Amino acid sequence: MYETQINNSLMDQKTAAAYLGTTVGSLNTWRATGKYKIPYVRWGHNIRYKKDDLDAWIAEHQQNAQPIA
């Protein structure tokens, strides 16, 4: 498991993917296709993500299970 100390500084793609439990390839696909609109910062060829943005995205996509009656 890839672990690093995470604060609100910018995370590289590998760290962001590990934080979300996905792969760098999935992040690239989501960004290219617009499937999921996760905010990011681009500096030349570098892509970075803020932890607060990832947390907000997770909260938006959280689904609560409904009890079966």
PDB file of N, CA and C in Angstrom:
ATOM      1  N   MET A   1       0.857  -1.186   0.000  1.00  0.00           N
ATOM      2  CA  MET A   1       0.000   0.000   0.000  1.00  0.00           C
ATOM      3  C   MET A   1       0.888   1.229   0.000  1.00  0.00           C
ATOM      4  N   TYR A   2       0.623   2.142  -0.860  1.00  0.00           N
ATOM      5  CA  TYR A   2       1.390   3.370  -0.964  1.00  0.00           C
ATOM      6  C   TYR A   2       0.873   4.364   0.064  1.00  0.00           C
ATOM      7  N   GLU A   3       1.721   4.734   1.021  1.00  0.00           N
ATOM      8  CA  GLU A   3       1.297   5.665   2.063  1.00  0.00           C
ATOM      9  C   GLU A   3       2.257   6.838   2.108  1.00  0.00           C
ATOM     10  N   THR A   4       1.725   7.987   2.391  1.00  0.00           N
ATOM     11  CA  THR A   4       2.524   9.189   2.571  1.00  0.00           C
ATOM     12  C   THR A   4       1.759  10.093   3.519  1.00  0.00           C
ATOM     13  N   GLN A   5       2.444  11.020   4.124  1.00  0.00           N
ATOM     14  CA  GLN A   5       1.756  11.989   4.969  1.00  0.00           C
ATOM     15  C   GLN A   5       1.000  12.941   4.062  1.00  0.00           C
ATOM     16  N   ILE A   6      -0.308  13.047   4.304  1.00  0.00           N
ATOM     17  CA  ILE A   6      -1.157  13.850   3.430  1.00  0.00           C
ATOM     18  C   ILE A   6      -1.676  15.050   4.201  1.00  0.00           C
ATOM     19  N   ASN A   7      -1.444  16.222   3.660  1.00  0.00           N
ATOM     20  CA  ASN A   7      -2.035  17.438   4.203  1.00  0.00           C
ATOM     21  C   ASN A   7      -2.718  18.146   3.046  1.00  0.00           C
ATOM     22  N   ASN A   8      -2.983  19.429   3.140  1.00  0.00           N
ATOM     23  CA  ASN A   8      -3.692  20.092   2.051  1.00  0.00           C
ATOM     24  C   ASN A   8      -2.742  20.622   0.983  1.00  0.00           C
ATOM     25  N   SER A   9      -1.494  20.225   1.015  1.00  0.00           N
ATOM     26  CA  SER A   9      -0.618  20.591  -0.087  1.00  0.00           C
ATOM     27  C   SER A   9      -1.037  19.790  -1.312  1.00  0.00           C
ATOM     28  N   LEU A  10      -0.470  20.116  -2.436  1.00  0.00           N
ATOM     29  CA  LEU A  10      -0.854  19.439  -3.670  1.00  0.00           C
ATOM     30  C   LEU A  10      -0.267  18.030  -3.718  1.00  0.00           C
ATOM     31  N   MET A  11      -1.119  17.059  -4.081  1.00  0.00           N
ATOM     32  CA  MET A  11      -0.704  15.663  -4.200  1.00  0.00           C
ATOM     33  C   MET A  11      -0.444  15.340  -5.660  1.00  0.00           C
ATOM     34  N   ASP A  12       0.561  14.515  -5.910  1.00  0.00           N
ATOM     35  CA  ASP A  12       0.768  14.045  -7.271  1.00  0.00           C
ATOM     36  C   ASP A  12      -0.293  12.983  -7.585  1.00  0.00           C
ATOM     37  N   GLN A  13      -0.303  12.529  -8.833  1.00  0.00           N
ATOM     38  CA  GLN A  13      -1.340  11.588  -9.254  1.00  0.00           C
ATOM     39  C   GLN A  13      -1.267  10.255  -8.510  1.00  0.00           C
ATOM     40  N   LYS A  14      -0.072   9.769  -8.247  1.00  0.00           N
ATOM     41  CA  LYS A  14       0.075   8.481  -7.558  1.00  0.00           C
ATOM     42  C   LYS A  14      -0.502   8.568  -6.145  1.00  0.00           C
ATOM     43  N   THR A  15      -0.211   9.655  -5.450  1.00  0.00           N
ATOM     44  CA  THR A  15      -0.722   9.839  -4.095  1.00  0.00           C
ATOM     45  C   THR A  15      -2.232  10.019  -4.103  1.00  0.00           C
ATOM     46  N   ALA A  16      -2.738  10.816  -5.038  1.00  0.00           N
ATOM     47  CA  ALA A  16      -4.184  11.042  -5.140  1.00  0.00           C
ATOM     48  C   ALA A  16      -4.911   9.739  -5.465  1.00  0.00           C
ATOM     49  N   ALA A  17      -4.359   8.956  -6.377  1.00  0.00           N
ATOM     50  CA  ALA A  17      -4.985   7.682  -6.734  1.00  0.00           C
ATOM     51  C   ALA A  17      -5.029   6.751  -5.523  1.00  0.00           C
ATOM     52  N   ALA A  18      -3.931   6.673  -4.781  1.00  0.00           N
ATOM     53  CA  ALA A  18      -3.894   5.832  -3.581  1.00  0.00           C
ATOM     54  C   ALA A  18      -4.912   6.326  -2.560  1.00  0.00           C
ATOM     55  N   TYR A  19      -5.027   7.621  -2.394  1.00  0.00           N
ATOM     56  CA  TYR A  19      -5.968   8.212  -1.441  1.00  0.00           C
ATOM     57  C   TYR A  19      -7.413   7.845  -1.807  1.00  0.00           C
ATOM     58  N   LEU A  20      -7.706   7.828  -3.117  1.00  0.00           N
ATOM     59  CA  LEU A  20      -9.056   7.502  -3.578  1.00  0.00           C
ATOM     60  C   LEU A  20      -9.278   6.001  -3.736  1.00  0.00           C
ATOM     61  N   GLY A  21      -8.219   5.212  -3.631  1.00  0.00           N
ATOM     62  CA  GLY A  21      -8.354   3.764  -3.795  1.00  0.00           C
ATOM     63  C   GLY A  21      -8.543   3.361  -5.243  1.00  0.00           C
ATOM     64  N   THR A  22      -7.906   4.086  -6.148  1.00  0.00           N
ATOM     65  CA  THR A  22      -8.013   3.780  -7.568  1.00  0.00           C
ATOM     66  C   THR A  22      -6.621   3.815  -8.182  1.00  0.00           C
ATOM     67  N   THR A  23      -6.540   3.873  -9.489  1.00  0.00           N
ATOM     68  CA  THR A  23      -5.251   3.881 -10.170  1.00  0.00           C
ATOM     69  C   THR A  23      -5.013   5.221 -10.859  1.00  0.00           C
ATOM     70  N   VAL A  24      -3.768   5.479 -11.170  1.00  0.00           N
ATOM     71  CA  VAL A  24      -3.425   6.683 -11.934  1.00  0.00           C
ATOM     72  C   VAL A  24      -4.109   6.631 -13.299  1.00  0.00           C
ATOM     73  N   GLY A  25      -4.170   5.450 -13.885  1.00  0.00           N
ATOM     74  CA  GLY A  25      -4.845   5.293 -15.175  1.00  0.00           C
ATOM     75  C   GLY A  25      -6.310   5.701 -15.113  1.00  0.00           C
ATOM     76  N   SER A  26      -6.980   5.339 -14.025  1.00  0.00           N
ATOM     77  CA  SER A  26      -8.386   5.739 -13.865  1.00  0.00           C
ATOM     78  C   SER A  26      -8.509   7.248 -13.737  1.00  0.00           C
ATOM     79  N   LEU A  27      -7.632   7.870 -12.950  1.00  0.00           N
ATOM     80  CA  LEU A  27      -7.663   9.334 -12.836  1.00  0.00           C
ATOM     81  C   LEU A  27      -7.471   9.977 -14.208  1.00  0.00           C
ATOM     82  N   ASN A  28      -6.528   9.456 -14.976  1.00  0.00           N
ATOM     83  CA  ASN A  28      -6.281  10.003 -16.321  1.00  0.00           C
ATOM     84  C   ASN A  28      -7.508   9.854 -17.211  1.00  0.00           C
ATOM     85  N   THR A  29      -8.148   8.690 -17.154  1.00  0.00           N
ATOM     86  CA  THR A  29      -9.340   8.444 -17.965  1.00  0.00           C
ATOM     87  C   THR A  29     -10.481   9.359 -17.547  1.00  0.00           C
ATOM     88  N   TRP A  30     -10.714   9.468 -16.241  1.00  0.00           N
ATOM     89  CA  TRP A  30     -11.794  10.326 -15.755  1.00  0.00           C
ATOM     90  C   TRP A  30     -11.582  11.769 -16.179  1.00  0.00           C
ATOM     91  N   ARG A  31     -10.338  12.231 -16.107  1.00  0.00           N
ATOM     92  CA  ARG A  31     -10.020  13.605 -16.468  1.00  0.00           C
ATOM     93  C   ARG A  31     -10.207  13.815 -17.978  1.00  0.00           C
ATOM     94  N   ALA A  32      -9.751  12.852 -18.783  1.00  0.00           N
ATOM     95  CA  ALA A  32      -9.819  12.980 -20.233  1.00  0.00           C
ATOM     96  C   ALA A  32     -11.248  12.893 -20.761  1.00  0.00           C
ATOM     97  N   THR A  33     -12.065  12.032 -20.151  1.00  0.00           N
ATOM     98  CA  THR A  33     -13.424  11.817 -20.640  1.00  0.00           C
ATOM     99  C   THR A  33     -14.448  12.719 -19.956  1.00  0.00           C
ATOM    100  N   GLY A  34     -14.065  13.290 -18.810  1.00  0.00           N
ATOM    101  CA  GLY A  34     -15.018  14.099 -18.047  1.00  0.00           C
ATOM    102  C   GLY A  34     -16.008  13.250 -17.271  1.00  0.00           C
ATOM    103  N   LYS A  35     -15.734  11.942 -17.136  1.00  0.00           N
ATOM    104  CA  LYS A  35     -16.651  11.059 -16.403  1.00  0.00           C
ATOM    105  C   LYS A  35     -16.864  11.560 -14.985  1.00  0.00           C
ATOM    106  N   TYR A  36     -15.772  11.867 -14.292  1.00  0.00           N
ATOM    107  CA  TYR A  36     -15.842  12.459 -12.965  1.00  0.00           C
ATOM    108  C   TYR A  36     -15.049  13.758 -13.011  1.00  0.00           C
ATOM    109  N   LYS A  37     -15.636  14.811 -12.542  1.00  0.00           N
ATOM    110  CA  LYS A  37     -14.985  16.114 -12.593  1.00  0.00           C
ATOM    111  C   LYS A  37     -14.304  16.419 -11.257  1.00  0.00           C
ATOM    112  N   ILE A  38     -13.135  15.831 -11.071  1.00  0.00           N
ATOM    113  CA  ILE A  38     -12.344  16.062  -9.865  1.00  0.00           C
ATOM    114  C   ILE A  38     -11.425  17.242 -10.155  1.00  0.00           C
ATOM    115  N   PRO A  39     -11.509  18.315  -9.371  1.00  0.00           N
ATOM    116  CA  PRO A  39     -10.643  19.474  -9.624  1.00  0.00           C
ATOM    117  C   PRO A  39      -9.160  19.094  -9.539  1.00  0.00           C
ATOM    118  N   TYR A  40      -8.375  19.694 -10.416  1.00  0.00           N
ATOM    119  CA  TYR A  40      -6.941  19.442 -10.426  1.00  0.00           C
ATOM    120  C   TYR A  40      -6.207  20.692 -10.891  1.00  0.00           C
ATOM    121  N   VAL A  41      -4.911  20.696 -10.674  1.00  0.00           N
ATOM    122  CA  VAL A  41      -4.048  21.791 -11.109  1.00  0.00           C
ATOM    123  C   VAL A  41      -3.045  21.208 -12.092  1.00  0.00           C
ATOM    124  N   ARG A  42      -2.825  21.880 -13.203  1.00  0.00           N
ATOM    125  CA  ARG A  42      -1.852  21.425 -14.189  1.00  0.00           C
ATOM    126  C   ARG A  42      -0.725  22.444 -14.283  1.00  0.00           C
ATOM    127  N   TRP A  43       0.503  21.962 -14.138  1.00  0.00           N
ATOM    128  CA  TRP A  43       1.705  22.762 -14.375  1.00  0.00           C
ATOM    129  C   TRP A  43       2.503  22.052 -15.448  1.00  0.00           C
ATOM    130  N   GLY A  44       2.391  22.520 -16.661  1.00  0.00           N
ATOM    131  CA  GLY A  44       3.059  21.825 -17.763  1.00  0.00           C
ATOM    132  C   GLY A  44       2.478  20.432 -17.892  1.00  0.00           C
ATOM    133  N   HIS A  45       3.309  19.411 -17.719  1.00  0.00           N
ATOM    134  CA  HIS A  45       2.850  18.022 -17.805  1.00  0.00           C
ATOM    135  C   HIS A  45       2.470  17.454 -16.439  1.00  0.00           C
ATOM    136  N   ASN A  46       2.617  18.236 -15.400  1.00  0.00           N
ATOM    137  CA  ASN A  46       2.337  17.764 -14.040  1.00  0.00           C
ATOM    138  C   ASN A  46       0.891  18.027 -13.646  1.00  0.00           C
ATOM    139  N   ILE A  47       0.257  17.020 -13.079  1.00  0.00           N
ATOM    140  CA  ILE A  47      -1.114  17.128 -12.570  1.00  0.00           C
ATOM    141  C   ILE A  47      -1.041  16.972 -11.061  1.00  0.00           C
ATOM    142  N   ARG A  48      -1.729  17.863 -10.346  1.00  0.00           N
ATOM    143  CA  ARG A  48      -1.746  17.823  -8.881  1.00  0.00           C
ATOM    144  C   ARG A  48      -3.184  17.965  -8.387  1.00  0.00           C
ATOM    145  N   TYR A  49      -3.447  17.373  -7.217  1.00  0.00           N
ATOM    146  CA  TYR A  49      -4.767  17.414  -6.597  1.00  0.00           C
ATOM    147  C   TYR A  49      -4.639  17.911  -5.164  1.00  0.00           C
ATOM    148  N   LYS A  50      -5.637  18.698  -4.706  1.00  0.00           N
ATOM    149  CA  LYS A  50      -5.707  19.123  -3.307  1.00  0.00           C
ATOM    150  C   LYS A  50      -6.536  18.112  -2.525  1.00  0.00           C
ATOM    151  N   LYS A  51      -6.090  17.801  -1.317  1.00  0.00           N
ATOM    152  CA  LYS A  51      -6.814  16.859  -0.460  1.00  0.00           C
ATOM    153  C   LYS A  51      -8.234  17.342  -0.209  1.00  0.00           C
ATOM    154  N   ASP A  52      -8.414  18.633   0.058  1.00  0.00           N
ATOM    155  CA  ASP A  52      -9.764  19.163   0.303  1.00  0.00           C
ATOM    156  C   ASP A  52     -10.680  18.928  -0.900  1.00  0.00           C
ATOM    157  N   ASP A  53     -10.144  19.071  -2.112  1.00  0.00           N
ATOM    158  CA  ASP A  53     -10.944  18.827  -3.319  1.00  0.00           C
ATOM    159  C   ASP A  53     -11.321  17.356  -3.433  1.00  0.00           C
ATOM    160  N   LEU A  54     -10.383  16.468  -3.104  1.00  0.00           N
ATOM    161  CA  LEU A  54     -10.683  15.037  -3.151  1.00  0.00           C
ATOM    162  C   LEU A  54     -11.718  14.670  -2.096  1.00  0.00           C
ATOM    163  N   ASP A  55     -11.588  15.237  -0.896  1.00  0.00           N
ATOM    164  CA  ASP A  55     -12.567  14.976   0.166  1.00  0.00           C
ATOM    165  C   ASP A  55     -13.955  15.469  -0.236  1.00  0.00           C
ATOM    166  N   ALA A  56     -14.031  16.635  -0.867  1.00  0.00           N
ATOM    167  CA  ALA A  56     -15.319  17.173  -1.318  1.00  0.00           C
ATOM    168  C   ALA A  56     -15.929  16.273  -2.386  1.00  0.00           C
ATOM    169  N   TRP A  57     -15.097  15.782  -3.297  1.00  0.00           N
ATOM    170  CA  TRP A  57     -15.576  14.890  -4.352  1.00  0.00           C
ATOM    171  C   TRP A  57     -16.108  13.592  -3.756  1.00  0.00           C
ATOM    172  N   ILE A  58     -15.399  13.050  -2.777  1.00  0.00           N
ATOM    173  CA  ILE A  58     -15.857  11.825  -2.101  1.00  0.00           C
ATOM    174  C   ILE A  58     -17.212  12.072  -1.441  1.00  0.00           C
ATOM    175  N   ALA A  59     -17.349  13.199  -0.742  1.00  0.00           N
ATOM    176  CA  ALA A  59     -18.611  13.516  -0.054  1.00  0.00           C
ATOM    177  C   ALA A  59     -19.761  13.649  -1.052  1.00  0.00           C
ATOM    178  N   GLU A  60     -19.506  14.234  -2.216  1.00  0.00           N
ATOM    179  CA  GLU A  60     -20.551  14.391  -3.238  1.00  0.00           C
ATOM    180  C   GLU A  60     -21.009  13.052  -3.800  1.00  0.00           C
ATOM    181  N   HIS A  61     -20.128  12.073  -3.817  1.00  0.00           N
ATOM    182  CA  HIS A  61     -20.442  10.779  -4.415  1.00  0.00           C
ATOM    183  C   HIS A  61     -20.787   9.702  -3.392  1.00  0.00           C
ATOM    184  N   GLN A  62     -20.870  10.088  -2.139  1.00  0.00           N
ATOM    185  CA  GLN A  62     -21.221   9.131  -1.092  1.00  0.00           C
ATOM    186  C   GLN A  62     -22.693   8.784  -1.207  1.00  0.00           C
ATOM    187  N   GLN A  63     -22.984   7.506  -1.118  1.00  0.00           N
ATOM    188  CA  GLN A  63     -24.364   7.047  -1.171  1.00  0.00           C
ATOM    189  C   GLN A  63     -24.658   6.294   0.108  1.00  0.00           C
ATOM    190  N   ASN A  64     -25.768   6.626   0.712  1.00  0.00           N
ATOM    191  CA  ASN A  64     -26.173   5.960   1.946  1.00  0.00           C
ATOM    192  C   ASN A  64     -27.105   4.807   1.600  1.00  0.00           C
ATOM    193  N   ALA A  65     -26.837   3.666   2.182  1.00  0.00           N
ATOM    194  CA  ALA A  65     -27.675   2.500   1.961  1.00  0.00           C
ATOM    195  C   ALA A  65     -29.050   2.698   2.590  1.00  0.00           C
ATOM    196  N   GLN A  66     -30.057   2.286   1.873  1.00  0.00           N
ATOM    197  CA  GLN A  66     -31.421   2.363   2.389  1.00  0.00           C
ATOM    198  C   GLN A  66     -31.804   0.999   2.965  1.00  0.00           C
ATOM    199  N   PRO A  67     -32.366   0.985   4.163  1.00  0.00           N
ATOM    200  CA  PRO A  67     -32.774  -0.301   4.740  1.00  0.00           C
ATOM    201  C   PRO A  67     -33.886  -0.952   3.919  1.00  0.00           C
ATOM    202  N   ILE A  68     -33.838  -2.256   3.844  1.00  0.00           N
ATOM    203  CA  ILE A  68     -34.882  -2.993   3.121  1.00  0.00           C
ATOM    204  C   ILE A  68     -36.026  -3.243   4.077  1.00  0.00           C
ATOM    205  N   ALA A  69     -37.212  -2.795   3.672  1.00  0.00           N
ATOM    206  CA  ALA A  69     -38.385  -2.933   4.559  1.00  0.00           C
ATOM    207  C   ALA A  69     -39.182  -4.158   4.230  1.00  0.00           C
TER     208      ALA A  69
END
